């Protein structure tokens, strides 16, 4: 009966694989010395690997968002500083500085 309950735990964990699975949920099953225990240990390892990949991907997404934000800001600054109006203002400021020195 206990064996069937543990099989049900492994089956339930596999069926819920779309949701976060905590490897500890199968500790009791994984402690078994038989094939079911081996299956439990394999499933725990897979759950840990999936979780680690998920965390890595989340970090990469965050880094990409930061890079996108930085590129967007740089593009906005370039649009302003490369405009004719900005160049004219810059030239006027240079002339005023030159006149102030003279």
Protein backbone atom coordinates (compact mmCIF):
# COMPACT_ATOMS: atom_id res chain seq x y z
CA UNK A 1 0.00 0.00 0.00
CA UNK A 2 2.85 2.36 0.90
CA UNK A 3 4.52 1.57 -2.43
CA UNK A 4 1.38 2.53 -4.33
CA UNK A 5 1.08 5.76 -2.35
CA UNK A 6 4.64 6.66 -3.25
CA UNK A 7 4.01 5.78 -6.90
CA UNK A 8 1.05 8.15 -6.71
CA UNK A 9 3.35 10.89 -5.35
CA UNK A 10 5.79 10.48 -8.22
CA UNK A 11 2.94 10.39 -10.73
CA UNK A 12 1.38 13.51 -9.22
CA UNK A 13 4.72 15.34 -9.26
CA UNK A 14 5.21 14.41 -12.91
CA UNK A 15 1.69 15.55 -13.79
CA UNK A 16 2.29 18.88 -12.09
CA UNK A 17 5.58 19.47 -13.83
CA UNK A 18 4.26 22.72 -15.34
CA UNK A 19 4.15 24.20 -11.85
CA UNK A 20 7.23 24.69 -9.70
CA UNK A 21 8.16 21.36 -8.21
CA UNK A 22 10.07 21.22 -4.96
CA UNK A 23 12.53 18.37 -4.98
CA UNK A 24 11.85 17.79 -1.28
CA UNK A 25 8.35 16.60 -2.06
CA UNK A 26 9.84 13.28 -3.10
CA UNK A 27 12.39 12.84 -0.29
CA UNK A 28 10.59 9.84 1.14
CA UNK A 29 10.28 8.18 -2.26
CA UNK A 30 13.90 8.97 -3.18
CA UNK A 31 15.10 7.32 0.02
CA UNK A 32 13.86 3.94 -1.18
CA UNK A 33 16.58 1.51 -2.32
CA UNK A 34 14.48 0.11 -5.19
CA UNK A 35 13.59 1.24 -8.71
CA UNK A 36 10.92 3.60 -7.42
CA UNK A 37 13.53 5.30 -5.25
CA UNK A 38 15.78 5.62 -8.30
CA UNK A 39 12.91 7.21 -10.21
CA UNK A 40 12.30 9.59 -7.31
CA UNK A 41 15.98 10.61 -7.24
CA UNK A 42 16.04 11.13 -11.01
CA UNK A 43 12.92 13.25 -10.80
CA UNK A 44 14.40 15.30 -7.94
CA UNK A 45 17.56 15.94 -9.94
CA UNK A 46 15.53 16.97 -12.99
CA UNK A 47 13.42 19.31 -10.85
CA UNK A 48 16.56 20.95 -9.45
CA UNK A 49 18.03 21.33 -12.94
CA UNK A 50 14.83 22.85 -14.32
CA UNK A 51 14.71 25.27 -11.38
CA UNK A 52 18.36 26.26 -11.92
CA UNK A 53 17.74 26.84 -15.64
CA UNK A 54 14.66 28.88 -14.86
CA UNK A 55 16.64 31.07 -12.45
CA UNK A 56 19.40 31.51 -15.02
CA UNK A 57 16.90 32.49 -17.70
CA UNK A 58 15.26 35.00 -15.36
CA UNK A 59 18.67 36.56 -14.73
CA UNK A 60 19.38 36.73 -18.46
CA UNK A 61 16.01 38.36 -19.11
CA UNK A 62 16.75 40.96 -16.43
CA UNK A 63 20.16 41.69 -17.96
CA UNK A 64 18.60 42.02 -21.42
CA UNK A 65 16.01 44.46 -20.08
CA UNK A 66 18.78 46.59 -18.61
CA UNK A 67 20.67 46.54 -21.92
CA UNK A 68 17.53 47.46 -23.84
CA UNK A 69 16.84 50.35 -21.46
CA UNK A 70 20.41 51.60 -21.82
CA UNK A 71 20.26 51.38 -25.61
CA UNK A 72 16.93 53.20 -25.63
CA UNK A 73 18.36 56.00 -23.47
CA UNK A 74 21.44 56.27 -25.66
CA UNK A 75 19.25 56.48 -28.77
CA UNK A 76 17.10 59.19 -27.19
CA UNK A 77 20.18 61.22 -26.22
CA UNK A 78 21.59 60.80 -29.73
CA UNK A 79 18.31 62.00 -31.26
CA UNK A 80 18.57 65.18 -29.19
CA UNK A 81 22.30 65.87 -29.52
CA UNK A 82 22.37 65.12 -33.24
CA UNK A 83 19.47 67.41 -34.10
CA UNK A 84 20.03 70.60 -36.05
CA UNK A 85 18.51 72.64 -33.23
CA UNK A 86 21.00 71.23 -30.70
CA UNK A 87 23.91 71.84 -33.07
CA UNK A 88 22.81 75.46 -33.53
CA UNK A 89 22.57 75.96 -29.76
CA UNK A 90 25.99 74.42 -29.30
CA UNK A 91 27.46 76.74 -31.94
CA UNK A 92 25.85 79.79 -30.31
CA UNK A 93 27.23 78.76 -26.93
CA UNK A 94 30.71 78.40 -28.44
CA UNK A 95 30.48 81.87 -30.01
CA UNK A 96 29.32 83.42 -26.74
CA UNK A 97 32.24 81.81 -24.90
CA UNK A 98 34.66 83.07 -27.56
CA UNK A 99 33.22 86.61 -27.33
CA UNK A 100 33.47 86.52 -23.53
CA UNK A 101 37.19 85.72 -23.76
CA UNK A 102 37.92 88.43 -26.28
